[in-house]
Amino acid sequence: MLTSADGPVVVGDTTMRALVAIRRQKLLPQLYDAPIVMARSNFEAVCGVLPEPPHWLNVRDDRPEIELPQRCETATASEAATIRLALSPPPDRASFVLLEGPIKERAQLSFIKAQGTVSILVAAYRCGKLTAVRPMIKALERLGHAEVLPEPAMLDALWKALDDLD
């Protein structure tokens, strides 16, 4: 694994923007027993919806000198900033990276532990921090954040799995 078991959680701008849109950004420090960090360039990208970093978010300088894994070389600038920060040398190497879309899968194939917004919502539901996931998913769609959602067939599977939990 390129991630570290005891490192911080690195959040990307797309994930943070989606959580802020549904007012659930506070789930991050509630779910993860680790510092929550974000690359400076990513924070600058979300400052329109999150003008100041919350007390639990540590904004760190970008790490352009860190080489991306080959599978992640096509990442956008913001995705690359997130992954590079996650791959910082220990003790700053991330335990998790919060990314969305195809780059999340490419990061996982590169041995980087990566999760997305839906995984955060499901984890929050499973530990009692959310009473339901479906309204959050619908709100993300309605608010224009469908890019963080899986394909419809995967959502159907998620609903079935969540119904089986109840």
N, C-alpha and C. Protein backbone atom coordinates (compact mmCIF):
# COMPACT_ATOMS: atom_id res chain seq x y z
N MET A 1 0.83 -1.19 0.00
CA MET A 1 0.00 0.00 0.00
C MET A 1 0.88 1.25 0.00
N LEU A 2 0.44 2.23 -0.75
CA LEU A 2 1.13 3.51 -0.76
C LEU A 2 0.61 4.43 0.33
N THR A 3 -0.45 4.03 1.01
CA THR A 3 -0.98 4.81 2.13
C THR A 3 -0.47 4.21 3.43
N SER A 4 -0.65 4.94 4.51
CA SER A 4 -0.13 4.54 5.81
C SER A 4 -1.29 4.38 6.79
N ALA A 5 -1.24 3.37 7.61
CA ALA A 5 -2.36 3.10 8.53
C ALA A 5 -2.61 4.23 9.53
N ASP A 6 -1.59 4.97 9.87
CA ASP A 6 -1.76 5.98 10.92
C ASP A 6 -1.60 7.41 10.42
N GLY A 7 -1.79 7.61 9.14
CA GLY A 7 -1.65 8.95 8.56
C GLY A 7 -2.93 9.74 8.57
N PRO A 8 -2.86 10.96 8.06
CA PRO A 8 -4.06 11.79 7.99
C PRO A 8 -4.99 11.33 6.87
N VAL A 9 -6.17 11.92 6.84
CA VAL A 9 -7.13 11.71 5.76
C VAL A 9 -7.04 12.94 4.86
N VAL A 10 -6.75 12.72 3.58
CA VAL A 10 -6.62 13.83 2.63
C VAL A 10 -7.92 13.92 1.84
N VAL A 11 -8.52 15.09 1.87
CA VAL A 11 -9.80 15.30 1.18
C VAL A 11 -9.58 16.17 -0.05
N GLY A 12 -10.20 15.75 -1.15
CA GLY A 12 -10.14 16.51 -2.39
C GLY A 12 -11.23 17.56 -2.44
N ASP A 13 -11.08 18.49 -3.36
CA ASP A 13 -12.03 19.60 -3.44
C ASP A 13 -13.43 19.16 -3.88
N THR A 14 -13.53 18.18 -4.76
CA THR A 14 -14.86 17.74 -5.22
C THR A 14 -15.64 17.11 -4.07
N THR A 15 -14.97 16.28 -3.29
CA THR A 15 -15.62 15.65 -2.13
C THR A 15 -16.04 16.70 -1.12
N MET A 16 -15.14 17.63 -0.83
CA MET A 16 -15.47 18.67 0.16
C MET A 16 -16.63 19.54 -0.33
N ARG A 17 -16.61 19.91 -1.60
CA ARG A 17 -17.68 20.74 -2.15
C ARG A 17 -19.03 20.02 -2.04
N ALA A 18 -19.05 18.72 -2.32
CA ALA A 18 -20.29 17.95 -2.23
C ALA A 18 -20.78 17.87 -0.79
N LEU A 19 -19.88 17.63 0.14
CA LEU A 19 -20.28 17.56 1.55
C LEU A 19 -20.78 18.90 2.07
N VAL A 20 -20.12 19.98 1.65
CA VAL A 20 -20.57 21.32 2.06
C VAL A 20 -21.96 21.59 1.49
N ALA A 21 -22.21 21.17 0.25
CA ALA A 21 -23.51 21.42 -0.39
C ALA A 21 -24.65 20.81 0.41
N ILE A 22 -24.41 19.64 1.02
CA ILE A 22 -25.47 19.00 1.81
C ILE A 22 -25.26 19.22 3.31
N ARG A 23 -24.35 20.13 3.62
CA ARG A 23 -24.05 20.51 5.02
C ARG A 23 -23.64 19.33 5.89
N ARG A 24 -22.79 18.49 5.33
CA ARG A 24 -22.33 17.30 6.05
C ARG A 24 -20.81 17.21 6.14
N GLN A 25 -20.12 18.34 5.96
CA GLN A 25 -18.66 18.33 6.04
C GLN A 25 -18.16 17.94 7.44
N LYS A 26 -18.97 18.17 8.46
CA LYS A 26 -18.57 17.83 9.83
C LYS A 26 -18.52 16.32 10.06
N LEU A 27 -19.01 15.55 9.10
CA LEU A 27 -18.89 14.09 9.22
C LEU A 27 -17.43 13.65 9.19
N LEU A 28 -16.59 14.41 8.49
CA LEU A 28 -15.19 13.99 8.34
C LEU A 28 -14.49 13.82 9.69
N PRO A 29 -14.46 14.84 10.55
CA PRO A 29 -13.80 14.61 11.84
C PRO A 29 -14.55 13.64 12.75
N GLN A 30 -15.85 13.45 12.50
CA GLN A 30 -16.63 12.51 13.31
C GLN A 30 -16.33 11.06 12.92
N LEU A 31 -16.00 10.84 11.66
CA LEU A 31 -15.79 9.47 11.16
C LEU A 31 -14.34 9.00 11.25
N TYR A 32 -13.42 9.92 11.08
CA TYR A 32 -12.02 9.53 10.98
C TYR A 32 -11.26 9.98 12.21
N ASP A 33 -10.60 9.04 12.82
CA ASP A 33 -9.78 9.33 14.01
C ASP A 33 -8.37 9.69 13.55
N ALA A 34 -8.29 10.70 12.72
CA ALA A 34 -7.03 11.15 12.15
C ALA A 34 -7.20 12.60 11.73
N PRO A 35 -6.10 13.32 11.59
CA PRO A 35 -6.22 14.70 11.09
C PRO A 35 -6.82 14.70 9.67
N ILE A 36 -7.62 15.69 9.38
CA ILE A 36 -8.20 15.88 8.05
C ILE A 36 -7.40 17.00 7.39
N VAL A 37 -6.82 16.71 6.23
CA VAL A 37 -5.97 17.69 5.57
C VAL A 37 -6.43 17.90 4.13
N MET A 38 -6.06 19.06 3.58
CA MET A 38 -6.40 19.40 2.21
C MET A 38 -5.26 20.22 1.63
N ALA A 39 -4.96 19.97 0.36
CA ALA A 39 -3.93 20.74 -0.32
C ALA A 39 -4.40 22.20 -0.46
N ARG A 40 -3.47 23.11 -0.34
CA ARG A 40 -3.79 24.54 -0.41
C ARG A 40 -4.53 24.89 -1.71
N SER A 41 -4.08 24.36 -2.84
CA SER A 41 -4.75 24.67 -4.11
C SER A 41 -6.20 24.15 -4.10
N ASN A 42 -6.44 23.02 -3.46
CA ASN A 42 -7.80 22.50 -3.37
C ASN A 42 -8.66 23.37 -2.46
N PHE A 43 -8.08 23.84 -1.36
CA PHE A 43 -8.87 24.71 -0.49
C PHE A 43 -9.21 26.01 -1.21
N GLU A 44 -8.27 26.53 -1.96
CA GLU A 44 -8.54 27.75 -2.73
C GLU A 44 -9.67 27.52 -3.72
N ALA A 45 -9.79 26.29 -4.23
CA ALA A 45 -10.87 25.96 -5.18
C ALA A 45 -12.24 25.89 -4.51
N VAL A 46 -12.28 25.65 -3.20
CA VAL A 46 -13.57 25.56 -2.50
C VAL A 46 -13.87 26.78 -1.64
N CYS A 47 -12.98 27.77 -1.65
CA CYS A 47 -13.18 28.92 -0.75
C CYS A 47 -14.45 29.70 -1.07
N GLY A 48 -15.04 29.51 -2.25
CA GLY A 48 -16.32 30.14 -2.54
C GLY A 48 -17.46 29.58 -1.71
N VAL A 49 -17.37 28.31 -1.32
CA VAL A 49 -18.42 27.67 -0.52
C VAL A 49 -17.96 27.43 0.93
N LEU A 50 -16.66 27.53 1.15
CA LEU A 50 -16.09 27.33 2.48
C LEU A 50 -14.99 28.38 2.66
N PRO A 51 -15.39 29.62 3.03
CA PRO A 51 -14.44 30.73 3.02
C PRO A 51 -13.25 30.57 3.96
N GLU A 52 -13.46 29.93 5.08
CA GLU A 52 -12.40 29.70 6.07
C GLU A 52 -12.34 28.21 6.38
N PRO A 53 -11.13 27.68 6.57
CA PRO A 53 -11.08 26.26 6.95
C PRO A 53 -11.65 26.06 8.36
N PRO A 54 -12.51 25.07 8.53
CA PRO A 54 -12.99 24.77 9.89
C PRO A 54 -11.81 24.38 10.78
N HIS A 55 -12.00 24.46 12.07
CA HIS A 55 -10.90 24.19 13.01
C HIS A 55 -10.30 22.80 12.83
N TRP A 56 -11.06 21.86 12.31
CA TRP A 56 -10.59 20.48 12.17
C TRP A 56 -9.90 20.21 10.84
N LEU A 57 -9.88 21.19 9.93
CA LEU A 57 -9.26 21.00 8.62
C LEU A 57 -7.91 21.70 8.58
N ASN A 58 -6.89 20.93 8.26
CA ASN A 58 -5.53 21.45 8.17
C ASN A 58 -5.19 21.63 6.69
N VAL A 59 -5.01 22.87 6.27
CA VAL A 59 -4.64 23.16 4.88
C VAL A 59 -3.12 23.14 4.79
N ARG A 60 -2.62 22.28 3.90
CA ARG A 60 -1.17 22.11 3.76
C ARG A 60 -0.71 22.54 2.37
N ASP A 61 0.53 22.93 2.30
CA ASP A 61 1.10 23.31 1.01
C ASP A 61 1.06 22.14 0.04
N ASP A 62 0.86 22.48 -1.22
CA ASP A 62 0.88 21.46 -2.28
C ASP A 62 2.27 20.83 -2.33
N ARG A 63 2.33 19.63 -2.84
CA ARG A 63 3.60 18.88 -2.94
C ARG A 63 3.89 18.53 -4.40
N PRO A 64 4.17 19.54 -5.25
CA PRO A 64 4.37 19.26 -6.68
C PRO A 64 5.57 18.38 -6.98
N GLU A 65 6.49 18.27 -6.03
CA GLU A 65 7.70 17.47 -6.25
C GLU A 65 7.44 15.97 -6.14
N ILE A 66 6.30 15.58 -5.60
CA ILE A 66 5.99 14.16 -5.43
C ILE A 66 5.46 13.60 -6.74
N GLU A 67 6.04 12.51 -7.16
CA GLU A 67 5.66 11.88 -8.42
C GLU A 67 4.36 11.10 -8.25
N LEU A 68 3.50 11.23 -9.24
CA LEU A 68 2.25 10.48 -9.24
C LEU A 68 2.50 9.05 -9.72
N PRO A 69 1.73 8.09 -9.19
CA PRO A 69 1.79 6.74 -9.76
C PRO A 69 1.38 6.79 -11.24
N GLN A 70 1.89 5.89 -12.03
CA GLN A 70 1.65 5.90 -13.47
C GLN A 70 0.15 5.93 -13.81
N ARG A 71 -0.64 5.14 -13.10
CA ARG A 71 -2.08 5.10 -13.38
C ARG A 71 -2.77 6.42 -13.10
N CYS A 72 -2.15 7.28 -12.32
CA CYS A 72 -2.78 8.54 -11.93
C CYS A 72 -2.22 9.74 -12.70
N GLU A 73 -1.39 9.49 -13.67
CA GLU A 73 -0.76 10.60 -14.40
C GLU A 73 -1.75 11.45 -15.18
N THR A 74 -2.93 10.94 -15.48
CA THR A 74 -3.93 11.71 -16.22
C THR A 74 -4.85 12.51 -15.29
N ALA A 75 -4.54 12.55 -14.02
CA ALA A 75 -5.36 13.28 -13.05
C ALA A 75 -5.40 14.76 -13.39
N THR A 76 -6.52 15.39 -13.06
CA THR A 76 -6.62 16.84 -13.20
C THR A 76 -5.66 17.48 -12.19
N ALA A 77 -5.46 18.77 -12.30
CA ALA A 77 -4.55 19.46 -11.38
C ALA A 77 -5.01 19.30 -9.92
N SER A 78 -6.32 19.42 -9.68
CA SER A 78 -6.79 19.30 -8.29
C SER A 78 -6.69 17.86 -7.79
N GLU A 79 -7.01 16.90 -8.65
CA GLU A 79 -6.86 15.49 -8.25
C GLU A 79 -5.39 15.17 -7.99
N ALA A 80 -4.52 15.67 -8.82
CA ALA A 80 -3.08 15.43 -8.64
C ALA A 80 -2.58 16.04 -7.33
N ALA A 81 -3.07 17.24 -7.00
CA ALA A 81 -2.67 17.87 -5.74
C ALA A 81 -3.09 17.02 -4.55
N THR A 82 -4.29 16.45 -4.62
CA THR A 82 -4.79 15.60 -3.54
C THR A 82 -3.93 14.34 -3.42
N ILE A 83 -3.67 13.69 -4.53
CA ILE A 83 -2.88 12.45 -4.49
C ILE A 83 -1.45 12.73 -4.04
N ARG A 84 -0.86 13.78 -4.55
CA ARG A 84 0.53 14.11 -4.15
C ARG A 84 0.61 14.38 -2.65
N LEU A 85 -0.36 15.11 -2.11
CA LEU A 85 -0.36 15.37 -0.68
C LEU A 85 -0.50 14.06 0.09
N ALA A 86 -1.34 13.17 -0.41
CA ALA A 86 -1.53 11.87 0.24
C ALA A 86 -0.26 11.04 0.24
N LEU A 87 0.57 11.22 -0.77
CA LEU A 87 1.80 10.42 -0.89
C LEU A 87 3.01 11.11 -0.26
N SER A 88 2.77 12.13 0.57
CA SER A 88 3.86 12.79 1.27
C SER A 88 4.66 11.76 2.06
N PRO A 89 5.92 12.05 2.30
CA PRO A 89 6.72 11.10 3.10
C PRO A 89 6.14 10.94 4.50
N PRO A 90 6.35 9.77 5.12
CA PRO A 90 5.90 9.58 6.51
C PRO A 90 6.55 10.64 7.40
N PRO A 91 5.86 11.12 8.39
CA PRO A 91 4.60 10.67 8.97
C PRO A 91 3.38 11.33 8.34
N ASP A 92 3.56 12.11 7.27
CA ASP A 92 2.44 12.82 6.66
C ASP A 92 1.72 12.02 5.58
N ARG A 93 2.18 10.80 5.30
CA ARG A 93 1.53 9.97 4.29
C ARG A 93 0.12 9.64 4.75
N ALA A 94 -0.84 9.74 3.86
CA ALA A 94 -2.26 9.58 4.20
C ALA A 94 -2.64 8.14 4.52
N SER A 95 -3.67 8.00 5.34
CA SER A 95 -4.28 6.69 5.56
C SER A 95 -5.40 6.48 4.55
N PHE A 96 -6.09 7.56 4.18
CA PHE A 96 -7.17 7.53 3.19
C PHE A 96 -7.08 8.78 2.32
N VAL A 97 -7.58 8.64 1.11
CA VAL A 97 -7.74 9.79 0.22
C VAL A 97 -9.21 9.83 -0.18
N LEU A 98 -9.81 11.00 -0.09
CA LEU A 98 -11.21 11.16 -0.44
C LEU A 98 -11.28 11.83 -1.81
N LEU A 99 -11.60 11.02 -2.81
CA LEU A 99 -11.64 11.43 -4.22
C LEU A 99 -12.93 10.94 -4.85
N GLU A 100 -13.20 11.43 -6.05
CA GLU A 100 -14.41 11.04 -6.76
C GLU A 100 -14.09 10.58 -8.17
N GLY A 101 -15.00 9.79 -8.73
CA GLY A 101 -14.94 9.43 -10.14
C GLY A 101 -13.83 8.47 -10.52
N PRO A 102 -13.47 8.48 -11.79
CA PRO A 102 -12.48 7.52 -12.29
C PRO A 102 -11.12 7.61 -11.61
N ILE A 103 -10.73 8.80 -11.16
CA ILE A 103 -9.42 8.91 -10.50
C ILE A 103 -9.40 8.12 -9.20
N LYS A 104 -10.55 8.00 -8.55
CA LYS A 104 -10.61 7.22 -7.31
C LYS A 104 -10.26 5.76 -7.61
N GLU A 105 -10.83 5.22 -8.69
CA GLU A 105 -10.53 3.83 -9.05
C GLU A 105 -9.07 3.67 -9.48
N ARG A 106 -8.54 4.66 -10.21
CA ARG A 106 -7.13 4.57 -10.61
C ARG A 106 -6.21 4.66 -9.39
N ALA A 107 -6.58 5.46 -8.42
CA ALA A 107 -5.80 5.55 -7.19
C ALA A 107 -5.84 4.20 -6.45
N GLN A 108 -7.03 3.60 -6.38
CA GLN A 108 -7.15 2.30 -5.71
C GLN A 108 -6.31 1.25 -6.42
N LEU A 109 -6.30 1.27 -7.76
CA LEU A 109 -5.47 0.33 -8.52
C LEU A 109 -3.98 0.59 -8.32
N SER A 110 -3.66 1.79 -7.85
CA SER A 110 -2.27 2.15 -7.56
C SER A 110 -1.91 1.92 -6.09
N PHE A 111 -2.75 1.18 -5.38
CA PHE A 111 -2.53 0.82 -3.97
C PHE A 111 -2.63 2.02 -3.04
N ILE A 112 -3.54 2.92 -3.36
CA ILE A 112 -3.85 4.06 -2.51
C ILE A 112 -5.27 3.85 -2.00
N LYS A 113 -5.45 3.84 -0.69
CA LYS A 113 -6.80 3.69 -0.14
C LYS A 113 -7.59 4.95 -0.46
N ALA A 114 -8.66 4.79 -1.21
CA ALA A 114 -9.46 5.93 -1.63
C ALA A 114 -10.94 5.62 -1.44
N GLN A 115 -11.65 6.63 -0.99
CA GLN A 115 -13.09 6.55 -0.82
C GLN A 115 -13.71 7.80 -1.41
N GLY A 116 -15.02 7.79 -1.57
CA GLY A 116 -15.72 8.95 -2.10
C GLY A 116 -16.85 9.36 -1.18
N THR A 117 -17.60 10.33 -1.64
CA THR A 117 -18.68 10.91 -0.85
C THR A 117 -19.72 9.87 -0.44
N VAL A 118 -20.11 9.00 -1.34
CA VAL A 118 -21.12 7.99 -1.01
C VAL A 118 -20.60 7.06 0.09
N SER A 119 -19.34 6.68 0.03
CA SER A 119 -18.76 5.84 1.08
C SER A 119 -18.79 6.55 2.43
N ILE A 120 -18.55 7.84 2.43
CA ILE A 120 -18.60 8.63 3.66
C ILE A 120 -20.01 8.61 4.23
N LEU A 121 -20.99 8.83 3.36
CA LEU A 121 -22.39 8.85 3.82
C LEU A 121 -22.82 7.49 4.36
N VAL A 122 -22.43 6.41 3.69
CA VAL A 122 -22.78 5.07 4.16
C VAL A 122 -22.10 4.78 5.50
N ALA A 123 -20.83 5.14 5.63
CA ALA A 123 -20.13 4.93 6.90
C ALA A 123 -20.81 5.71 8.02
N ALA A 124 -21.22 6.94 7.73
CA ALA A 124 -21.90 7.75 8.73
C ALA A 124 -23.23 7.12 9.14
N TYR A 125 -23.94 6.58 8.18
CA TYR A 125 -25.21 5.89 8.46
C TYR A 125 -24.97 4.66 9.33
N ARG A 126 -23.96 3.89 8.96
CA ARG A 126 -23.69 2.64 9.69
C ARG A 126 -23.30 2.87 11.14
N CYS A 127 -22.67 4.01 11.42
CA CYS A 127 -22.27 4.27 12.81
C CYS A 127 -23.22 5.25 13.52
N GLY A 128 -24.39 5.52 12.91
CA GLY A 128 -25.41 6.31 13.58
C GLY A 128 -25.24 7.81 13.49
N LYS A 129 -24.37 8.30 12.62
CA LYS A 129 -24.18 9.75 12.45
C LYS A 129 -25.19 10.35 11.47
N LEU A 130 -25.81 9.49 10.66
CA LEU A 130 -26.86 9.88 9.71
C LEU A 130 -28.03 8.93 9.91
N THR A 131 -29.24 9.44 9.78
CA THR A 131 -30.40 8.57 9.93
C THR A 131 -30.80 7.91 8.61
N ALA A 132 -30.36 8.48 7.48
CA ALA A 132 -30.68 7.91 6.17
C ALA A 132 -29.68 8.41 5.13
N VAL A 133 -29.42 7.59 4.13
CA VAL A 133 -28.50 7.95 3.05
C VAL A 133 -29.27 8.48 1.85
N ARG A 134 -30.39 7.89 1.55
CA ARG A 134 -31.15 8.25 0.34
C ARG A 134 -31.43 9.75 0.23
N PRO A 135 -31.87 10.43 1.29
CA PRO A 135 -32.12 11.88 1.16
C PRO A 135 -30.84 12.66 0.83
N MET A 136 -29.72 12.21 1.33
CA MET A 136 -28.45 12.88 1.04
C MET A 136 -28.07 12.71 -0.44
N ILE A 137 -28.31 11.51 -0.96
CA ILE A 137 -28.02 11.23 -2.37
C ILE A 137 -28.93 12.08 -3.26
N LYS A 138 -30.19 12.13 -2.90
CA LYS A 138 -31.15 12.93 -3.69
C LYS A 138 -30.78 14.41 -3.63
N ALA A 139 -30.34 14.88 -2.47
CA ALA A 139 -29.92 16.28 -2.34
C ALA A 139 -28.68 16.56 -3.20
N LEU A 140 -27.75 15.63 -3.23
CA LEU A 140 -26.57 15.82 -4.08
C LEU A 140 -26.97 15.94 -5.54
N GLU A 141 -27.89 15.09 -5.98
CA GLU A 141 -28.38 15.16 -7.37
C GLU A 141 -29.05 16.51 -7.63
N ARG A 142 -29.92 16.89 -6.74
CA ARG A 142 -30.69 18.13 -6.90
C ARG A 142 -29.79 19.36 -6.88
N LEU A 143 -28.72 19.32 -6.11
CA LEU A 143 -27.83 20.47 -5.97
C LEU A 143 -26.71 20.50 -7.00
N GLY A 144 -26.74 19.56 -7.95
CA GLY A 144 -25.77 19.58 -9.03
C GLY A 144 -24.45 18.88 -8.73
N HIS A 145 -24.47 17.90 -7.85
CA HIS A 145 -23.24 17.17 -7.51
C HIS A 145 -23.34 15.70 -7.90
N ALA A 146 -24.00 15.43 -9.00
CA ALA A 146 -24.17 14.05 -9.46
C ALA A 146 -22.83 13.40 -9.81
N GLU A 147 -21.79 14.20 -10.04
CA GLU A 147 -20.48 13.63 -10.38
C GLU A 147 -19.88 12.80 -9.26
N VAL A 148 -20.38 12.94 -8.04
CA VAL A 148 -19.86 12.15 -6.93
C VAL A 148 -20.66 10.86 -6.73
N LEU A 149 -21.69 10.65 -7.55
CA LEU A 149 -22.56 9.50 -7.39
C LEU A 149 -22.19 8.38 -8.35
N PRO A 150 -22.39 7.14 -7.92
CA PRO A 150 -22.11 6.02 -8.83
C PRO A 150 -23.20 5.89 -9.89
N GLU A 151 -22.94 5.00 -10.82
CA GLU A 151 -23.92 4.71 -11.88
C GLU A 151 -25.23 4.23 -11.25
N PRO A 152 -26.36 4.40 -11.97
CA PRO A 152 -27.67 3.99 -11.42
C PRO A 152 -27.71 2.53 -10.94
N ALA A 153 -27.09 1.62 -11.68
CA ALA A 153 -27.10 0.21 -11.25
C ALA A 153 -26.39 0.03 -9.92
N MET A 154 -25.32 0.78 -9.72
CA MET A 154 -24.59 0.70 -8.44
C MET A 154 -25.43 1.31 -7.32
N LEU A 155 -26.15 2.40 -7.63
CA LEU A 155 -27.04 2.99 -6.62
C LEU A 155 -28.14 2.02 -6.23
N ASP A 156 -28.70 1.31 -7.21
CA ASP A 156 -29.72 0.30 -6.91
C ASP A 156 -29.16 -0.77 -5.98
N ALA A 157 -27.93 -1.19 -6.24
CA ALA A 157 -27.28 -2.19 -5.38
C ALA A 157 -27.07 -1.61 -3.98
N LEU A 158 -26.72 -0.34 -3.90
CA LEU A 158 -26.53 0.31 -2.60
C LEU A 158 -27.84 0.33 -1.82
N TRP A 159 -28.94 0.70 -2.49
CA TRP A 159 -30.23 0.73 -1.80
C TRP A 159 -30.60 -0.65 -1.26
N LYS A 160 -30.36 -1.68 -2.06
CA LYS A 160 -30.66 -3.04 -1.62
C LYS A 160 -29.81 -3.41 -0.42
N ALA A 161 -28.53 -3.10 -0.47
CA ALA A 161 -27.63 -3.42 0.65
C ALA A 161 -28.05 -2.67 1.91
N LEU A 162 -28.42 -1.41 1.76
CA LEU A 162 -28.85 -0.64 2.94
C LEU A 162 -30.16 -1.16 3.49
N ASP A 163 -31.08 -1.57 2.60
CA ASP A 163 -32.34 -2.16 3.06
C ASP A 163 -32.08 -3.45 3.83
N ASP A 164 -31.10 -4.24 3.37
CA ASP A 164 -30.75 -5.49 4.05
C ASP A 164 -30.16 -5.23 5.43
N LEU A 165 -29.51 -4.07 5.61
CA LEU A 165 -28.94 -3.71 6.92
C LEU A 165 -30.03 -3.46 7.94
N ASP A 166 -31.15 -2.92 7.47
CA ASP A 166 -32.24 -2.53 8.40
C ASP A 166 -33.04 -3.68 8.89
